Amino acid sequence: VAKDLGLQLLSLTDRGFRIVSEGRTQHFALHGKTGHLVTAERIDREQLCRLVEKCVLRCELIVEGEM
């Protein structure tokens, strides 16, 4: 994520970086040492999308401050 945004990894935490998912469960997190977007917990497709053929999880990446 840091690389894609053209930022240093440390500046993400300084800028108030957040990942916001739909609903109450946070499915994704930012790995502190690598800056990679990772799953925060095991994702059960059958539980989330049991009646839907195409399962999509959306999230927003928010970085405070000027880019």
PDB file of N, CA and C in Angstrom:
ATOM      1  N   VAL A   1       0.832  -1.187   0.000  1.00  0.00           N
ATOM      2  CA  VAL A   1       0.000   0.000   0.000  1.00  0.00           C
ATOM      3  C   VAL A   1       0.878   1.254   0.000  1.00  0.00           C
ATOM      4  N   ALA A   2       1.898   1.256   0.849  1.00  0.00           N
ATOM      5  CA  ALA A   2       2.793   2.418   0.890  1.00  0.00           C
ATOM      6  C   ALA A   2       3.445   2.644  -0.472  1.00  0.00           C
ATOM      7  N   LYS A   3       3.899   1.577  -1.087  1.00  0.00           N
ATOM      8  CA  LYS A   3       4.544   1.679  -2.396  1.00  0.00           C
ATOM      9  C   LYS A   3       3.572   2.211  -3.447  1.00  0.00           C
ATOM     10  N   ASP A   4       2.348   1.693  -3.440  1.00  0.00           N
ATOM     11  CA  ASP A   4       1.347   2.141  -4.418  1.00  0.00           C
ATOM     12  C   ASP A   4       1.012   3.615  -4.258  1.00  0.00           C
ATOM     13  N   LEU A   5       1.047   4.114  -3.016  1.00  0.00           N
ATOM     14  CA  LEU A   5       0.738   5.522  -2.756  1.00  0.00           C
ATOM     15  C   LEU A   5       1.958   6.421  -2.876  1.00  0.00           C
ATOM     16  N   GLY A   6       3.140   5.832  -3.062  1.00  0.00           N
ATOM     17  CA  GLY A   6       4.359   6.615  -3.163  1.00  0.00           C
ATOM     18  C   GLY A   6       4.804   7.186  -1.829  1.00  0.00           C
ATOM     19  N   LEU A   7       4.517   6.474  -0.736  1.00  0.00           N
ATOM     20  CA  LEU A   7       4.867   6.919   0.609  1.00  0.00           C
ATOM     21  C   LEU A   7       5.838   5.949   1.265  1.00  0.00           C
ATOM     22  N   GLN A   8       6.565   6.435   2.234  1.00  0.00           N
ATOM     23  CA  GLN A   8       7.387   5.567   3.058  1.00  0.00           C
ATOM     24  C   GLN A   8       6.473   4.844   4.049  1.00  0.00           C
ATOM     25  N   LEU A   9       6.837   3.631   4.421  1.00  0.00           N
ATOM     26  CA  LEU A   9       6.011   2.827   5.316  1.00  0.00           C
ATOM     27  C   LEU A   9       5.730   3.548   6.628  1.00  0.00           C
ATOM     28  N   LEU A  10       6.728   4.185   7.210  1.00  0.00           N
ATOM     29  CA  LEU A  10       6.532   4.880   8.488  1.00  0.00           C
ATOM     30  C   LEU A  10       5.569   6.052   8.378  1.00  0.00           C
ATOM     31  N   SER A  11       5.508   6.679   7.220  1.00  0.00           N
ATOM     32  CA  SER A  11       4.616   7.829   7.080  1.00  0.00           C
ATOM     33  C   SER A  11       3.146   7.430   7.078  1.00  0.00           C
ATOM     34  N   LEU A  12       2.840   6.174   6.772  1.00  0.00           N
ATOM     35  CA  LEU A  12       1.441   5.734   6.819  1.00  0.00           C
ATOM     36  C   LEU A  12       0.901   5.815   8.238  1.00  0.00           C
ATOM     37  N   THR A  13       1.665   5.336   9.208  1.00  0.00           N
ATOM     38  CA  THR A  13       1.187   5.377  10.591  1.00  0.00           C
ATOM     39  C   THR A  13       1.151   6.804  11.112  1.00  0.00           C
ATOM     40  N   ASP A  14       2.079   7.642  10.672  1.00  0.00           N
ATOM     41  CA  ASP A  14       2.093   9.045  11.098  1.00  0.00           C
ATOM     42  C   ASP A  14       0.919   9.826  10.528  1.00  0.00           C
ATOM     43  N   ARG A  15       0.390   9.385   9.400  1.00  0.00           N
ATOM     44  CA  ARG A  15      -0.682  10.115   8.713  1.00  0.00           C
ATOM     45  C   ARG A  15      -2.071   9.636   9.109  1.00  0.00           C
ATOM     46  N   GLY A  16      -2.189   8.733  10.041  1.00  0.00           N
ATOM     47  CA  GLY A  16      -3.512   8.259  10.440  1.00  0.00           C
ATOM     48  C   GLY A  16      -4.140   7.351   9.412  1.00  0.00           C
ATOM     49  N   PHE A  17      -3.393   6.397   8.915  1.00  0.00           N
ATOM     50  CA  PHE A  17      -3.878   5.451   7.918  1.00  0.00           C
ATOM     51  C   PHE A  17      -4.931   4.530   8.524  1.00  0.00           C
ATOM     52  N   ARG A  18      -6.039   4.320   7.804  1.00  0.00           N
ATOM     53  CA  ARG A  18      -7.097   3.424   8.264  1.00  0.00           C
ATOM     54  C   ARG A  18      -7.660   2.626   7.105  1.00  0.00           C
ATOM     55  N   ILE A  19      -8.144   1.442   7.416  1.00  0.00           N
ATOM     56  CA  ILE A  19      -8.857   0.618   6.450  1.00  0.00           C
ATOM     57  C   ILE A  19     -10.279   0.488   6.967  1.00  0.00           C
ATOM     58  N   VAL A  20     -11.240   0.854   6.149  1.00  0.00           N
ATOM     59  CA  VAL A  20     -12.637   0.817   6.554  1.00  0.00           C
ATOM     60  C   VAL A  20     -13.371  -0.166   5.657  1.00  0.00           C
ATOM     61  N   SER A  21     -14.000  -1.169   6.263  1.00  0.00           N
ATOM     62  CA  SER A  21     -14.769  -2.171   5.521  1.00  0.00           C
ATOM     63  C   SER A  21     -16.249  -1.922   5.704  1.00  0.00           C
ATOM     64  N   GLU A  22     -17.045  -2.440   4.770  1.00  0.00           N
ATOM     65  CA  GLU A  22     -18.493  -2.379   4.923  1.00  0.00           C
ATOM     66  C   GLU A  22     -18.896  -3.269   6.098  1.00  0.00           C
ATOM     67  N   GLY A  23     -19.879  -2.851   6.844  1.00  0.00           N
ATOM     68  CA  GLY A  23     -20.328  -3.653   7.980  1.00  0.00           C
ATOM     69  C   GLY A  23     -19.452  -3.439   9.200  1.00  0.00           C
ATOM     70  N   ARG A  24     -19.624  -4.300  10.177  1.00  0.00           N
ATOM     71  CA  ARG A  24     -18.925  -4.138  11.453  1.00  0.00           C
ATOM     72  C   ARG A  24     -17.583  -4.844  11.514  1.00  0.00           C
ATOM     73  N   THR A  25     -17.401  -5.855  10.684  1.00  0.00           N
ATOM     74  CA  THR A  25     -16.188  -6.658  10.733  1.00  0.00           C
ATOM     75  C   THR A  25     -15.108  -6.060   9.849  1.00  0.00           C
ATOM     76  N   GLN A  26     -13.921  -5.902  10.395  1.00  0.00           N
ATOM     77  CA  GLN A  26     -12.772  -5.453   9.616  1.00  0.00           C
ATOM     78  C   GLN A  26     -12.089  -6.678   9.030  1.00  0.00           C
ATOM     79  N   HIS A  27     -12.241  -6.898   7.742  1.00  0.00           N
ATOM     80  CA  HIS A  27     -11.684  -8.078   7.087  1.00  0.00           C
ATOM     81  C   HIS A  27     -10.217  -7.910   6.712  1.00  0.00           C
ATOM     82  N   PHE A  28      -9.759  -6.661   6.619  1.00  0.00           N
ATOM     83  CA  PHE A  28      -8.405  -6.398   6.153  1.00  0.00           C
ATOM     84  C   PHE A  28      -7.635  -5.560   7.157  1.00  0.00           C
ATOM     85  N   ALA A  29      -6.308  -5.676   7.088  1.00  0.00           N
ATOM     86  CA  ALA A  29      -5.417  -4.906   7.950  1.00  0.00           C
ATOM     87  C   ALA A  29      -4.156  -4.588   7.166  1.00  0.00           C
ATOM     88  N   LEU A  30      -3.365  -3.690   7.699  1.00  0.00           N
ATOM     89  CA  LEU A  30      -2.094  -3.343   7.102  1.00  0.00           C
ATOM     90  C   LEU A  30      -0.987  -4.007   7.915  1.00  0.00           C
ATOM     91  N   HIS A  31      -0.155  -4.804   7.253  1.00  0.00           N
ATOM     92  CA  HIS A  31       0.969  -5.460   7.931  1.00  0.00           C
ATOM     93  C   HIS A  31       1.973  -4.378   8.308  1.00  0.00           C
ATOM     94  N   GLY A  32       2.271  -4.261   9.593  1.00  0.00           N
ATOM     95  CA  GLY A  32       3.103  -3.171  10.095  1.00  0.00           C
ATOM     96  C   GLY A  32       4.520  -3.135   9.569  1.00  0.00           C
ATOM     97  N   LYS A  33       5.117  -4.274   9.282  1.00  0.00           N
ATOM     98  CA  LYS A  33       6.522  -4.287   8.845  1.00  0.00           C
ATOM     99  C   LYS A  33       6.690  -4.195   7.336  1.00  0.00           C
ATOM    100  N   THR A  34       5.706  -4.696   6.581  1.00  0.00           N
ATOM    101  CA  THR A  34       5.842  -4.716   5.124  1.00  0.00           C
ATOM    102  C   THR A  34       4.971  -3.687   4.418  1.00  0.00           C
ATOM    103  N   GLY A  35       3.900  -3.249   5.046  1.00  0.00           N
ATOM    104  CA  GLY A  35       2.973  -2.335   4.399  1.00  0.00           C
ATOM    105  C   GLY A  35       2.010  -3.027   3.458  1.00  0.00           C
ATOM    106  N   HIS A  36       1.989  -4.355   3.487  1.00  0.00           N
ATOM    107  CA  HIS A  36       1.074  -5.112   2.622  1.00  0.00           C
ATOM    108  C   HIS A  36      -0.332  -5.123   3.210  1.00  0.00           C
ATOM    109  N   LEU A  37      -1.317  -5.138   2.329  1.00  0.00           N
ATOM    110  CA  LEU A  37      -2.705  -5.306   2.729  1.00  0.00           C
ATOM    111  C   LEU A  37      -2.938  -6.800   2.936  1.00  0.00           C
ATOM    112  N   VAL A  38      -3.368  -7.192   4.121  1.00  0.00           N
ATOM    113  CA  VAL A  38      -3.547  -8.605   4.467  1.00  0.00           C
ATOM    114  C   VAL A  38      -4.941  -8.823   5.049  1.00  0.00           C
ATOM    115  N   THR A  39      -5.367 -10.073   5.100  1.00  0.00           N
ATOM    116  CA  THR A  39      -6.636 -10.378   5.755  1.00  0.00           C
ATOM    117  C   THR A  39      -6.422 -10.315   7.263  1.00  0.00           C
ATOM    118  N   ALA A  40      -7.349  -9.688   7.953  1.00  0.00           N
ATOM    119  CA  ALA A  40      -7.240  -9.519   9.398  1.00  0.00           C
ATOM    120  C   ALA A  40      -7.655 -10.780  10.144  1.00  0.00           C
ATOM    121  N   GLU A  41      -8.471 -11.579   9.499  1.00  0.00           N
ATOM    122  CA  GLU A  41      -8.937 -12.830  10.091  1.00  0.00           C
ATOM    123  C   GLU A  41      -9.354 -13.756   8.958  1.00  0.00           C
ATOM    124  N   ARG A  42      -9.652 -14.968   9.301  1.00  0.00           N
ATOM    125  CA  ARG A  42     -10.109 -15.912   8.280  1.00  0.00           C
ATOM    126  C   ARG A  42     -11.440 -15.437   7.706  1.00  0.00           C
ATOM    127  N   ILE A  43     -11.555 -15.471   6.377  1.00  0.00           N
ATOM    128  CA  ILE A  43     -12.780 -15.031   5.704  1.00  0.00           C
ATOM    129  C   ILE A  43     -13.539 -16.255   5.229  1.00  0.00           C
ATOM    130  N   ASP A  44     -14.775 -16.393   5.690  1.00  0.00           N
ATOM    131  CA  ASP A  44     -15.621 -17.526   5.345  1.00  0.00           C
ATOM    132  C   ASP A  44     -16.606 -17.087   4.259  1.00  0.00           C
ATOM    133  N   ARG A  45     -16.330 -17.470   3.015  1.00  0.00           N
ATOM    134  CA  ARG A  45     -17.183 -17.072   1.899  1.00  0.00           C
ATOM    135  C   ARG A  45     -18.617 -17.547   2.074  1.00  0.00           C
ATOM    136  N   GLU A  46     -18.790 -18.750   2.555  1.00  0.00           N
ATOM    137  CA  GLU A  46     -20.143 -19.293   2.736  1.00  0.00           C
ATOM    138  C   GLU A  46     -20.953 -18.467   3.736  1.00  0.00           C
ATOM    139  N   GLN A  47     -20.301 -17.951   4.726  1.00  0.00           N
ATOM    140  CA  GLN A  47     -21.002 -17.132   5.722  1.00  0.00           C
ATOM    141  C   GLN A  47     -21.331 -15.745   5.159  1.00  0.00           C
ATOM    142  N   LEU A  48     -20.402 -15.174   4.408  1.00  0.00           N
ATOM    143  CA  LEU A  48     -20.593 -13.821   3.891  1.00  0.00           C
ATOM    144  C   LEU A  48     -21.495 -13.745   2.665  1.00  0.00           C
ATOM    145  N   CYS A  49     -21.359 -14.713   1.770  1.00  0.00           N
ATOM    146  CA  CYS A  49     -22.026 -14.621   0.463  1.00  0.00           C
ATOM    147  C   CYS A  49     -22.728 -15.919   0.088  1.00  0.00           C
ATOM    148  N   ARG A  50     -23.397 -16.517   0.984  1.00  0.00           N
ATOM    149  CA  ARG A  50     -23.961 -17.845   0.724  1.00  0.00           C
ATOM    150  C   ARG A  50     -24.942 -17.887  -0.432  1.00  0.00           C
ATOM    151  N   LEU A  51     -25.658 -16.828  -0.694  1.00  0.00           N
ATOM    152  CA  LEU A  51     -26.660 -16.831  -1.759  1.00  0.00           C
ATOM    153  C   LEU A  51     -26.217 -16.053  -3.003  1.00  0.00           C
ATOM    154  N   VAL A  52     -24.983 -15.609  -3.034  1.00  0.00           N
ATOM    155  CA  VAL A  52     -24.494 -14.789  -4.139  1.00  0.00           C
ATOM    156  C   VAL A  52     -23.379 -15.526  -4.862  1.00  0.00           C
ATOM    157  N   GLU A  53     -23.481 -15.569  -6.201  1.00  0.00           N
ATOM    158  CA  GLU A  53     -22.455 -16.269  -6.975  1.00  0.00           C
ATOM    159  C   GLU A  53     -21.120 -15.532  -6.947  1.00  0.00           C
ATOM    160  N   LYS A  54     -21.160 -14.208  -7.120  1.00  0.00           N
ATOM    161  CA  LYS A  54     -19.944 -13.401  -7.132  1.00  0.00           C
ATOM    162  C   LYS A  54     -19.815 -12.691  -5.788  1.00  0.00           C
ATOM    163  N   CYS A  55     -18.809 -13.053  -5.017  1.00  0.00           N
ATOM    164  CA  CYS A  55     -18.618 -12.498  -3.678  1.00  0.00           C
ATOM    165  C   CYS A  55     -17.553 -11.402  -3.732  1.00  0.00           C
ATOM    166  N   VAL A  56     -17.917 -10.189  -3.327  1.00  0.00           N
ATOM    167  CA  VAL A  56     -16.996  -9.056  -3.364  1.00  0.00           C
ATOM    168  C   VAL A  56     -16.971  -8.404  -1.985  1.00  0.00           C
ATOM    169  N   LEU A  57     -15.771  -8.205  -1.449  1.00  0.00           N
ATOM    170  CA  LEU A  57     -15.599  -7.476  -0.194  1.00  0.00           C
ATOM    171  C   LEU A  57     -14.968  -6.132  -0.531  1.00  0.00           C
ATOM    172  N   ARG A  58     -15.624  -5.077  -0.142  1.00  0.00           N
ATOM    173  CA  ARG A  58     -15.124  -3.744  -0.441  1.00  0.00           C
ATOM    174  C   ARG A  58     -14.530  -3.125   0.822  1.00  0.00           C
ATOM    175  N   CYS A  59     -13.492  -2.334   0.615  1.00  0.00           N
ATOM    176  CA  CYS A  59     -12.916  -1.583   1.720  1.00  0.00           C
ATOM    177  C   CYS A  59     -12.380  -0.269   1.179  1.00  0.00           C
ATOM    178  N   GLU A  60     -12.225   0.696   2.074  1.00  0.00           N
ATOM    179  CA  GLU A  60     -11.656   1.986   1.712  1.00  0.00           C
ATOM    180  C   GLU A  60     -10.360   2.159   2.475  1.00  0.00           C
ATOM    181  N   LEU A  61      -9.371   2.722   1.806  1.00  0.00           N
ATOM    182  CA  LEU A  61      -8.090   3.038   2.421  1.00  0.00           C
ATOM    183  C   LEU A  61      -8.063   4.549   2.629  1.00  0.00           C
ATOM    184  N   ILE A  62      -7.934   4.971   3.866  1.00  0.00           N
ATOM    185  CA  ILE A  62      -7.969   6.393   4.185  1.00  0.00           C
ATOM    186  C   ILE A  62      -6.611   6.793   4.752  1.00  0.00           C
ATOM    187  N   VAL A  63      -6.014   7.824   4.135  1.00  0.00           N
ATOM    188  CA  VAL A  63      -4.757   8.370   4.611  1.00  0.00           C
ATOM    189  C   VAL A  63      -4.981   9.859   4.826  1.00  0.00           C
ATOM    190  N   GLU A  64      -4.790  10.324   6.037  1.00  0.00           N
ATOM    191  CA  GLU A  64      -5.011  11.732   6.344  1.00  0.00           C
ATOM    192  C   GLU A  64      -3.829  12.572   5.866  1.00  0.00           C
ATOM    193  N   GLY A  65      -4.074  13.808   5.578  1.00  0.00           N
ATOM    194  CA  GLY A  65      -3.023  14.722   5.135  1.00  0.00           C
ATOM    195  C   GLY A  65      -2.946  14.798   3.623  1.00  0.00           C
ATOM    196  N   GLU A  66      -2.153  15.735   3.148  1.00  0.00           N
ATOM    197  CA  GLU A  66      -2.016  15.945   1.701  1.00  0.00           C
ATOM    198  C   GLU A  66      -1.203  14.841   1.057  1.00  0.00           C
ATOM    199  N   MET A  67      -1.565  14.511  -0.173  1.00  0.00           N
ATOM    200  CA  MET A  67      -0.829  13.505  -0.946  1.00  0.00           C
ATOM    201  C   MET A  67       0.052  14.211  -1.951  1.00  0.00           C
TER     202      MET A  67
END
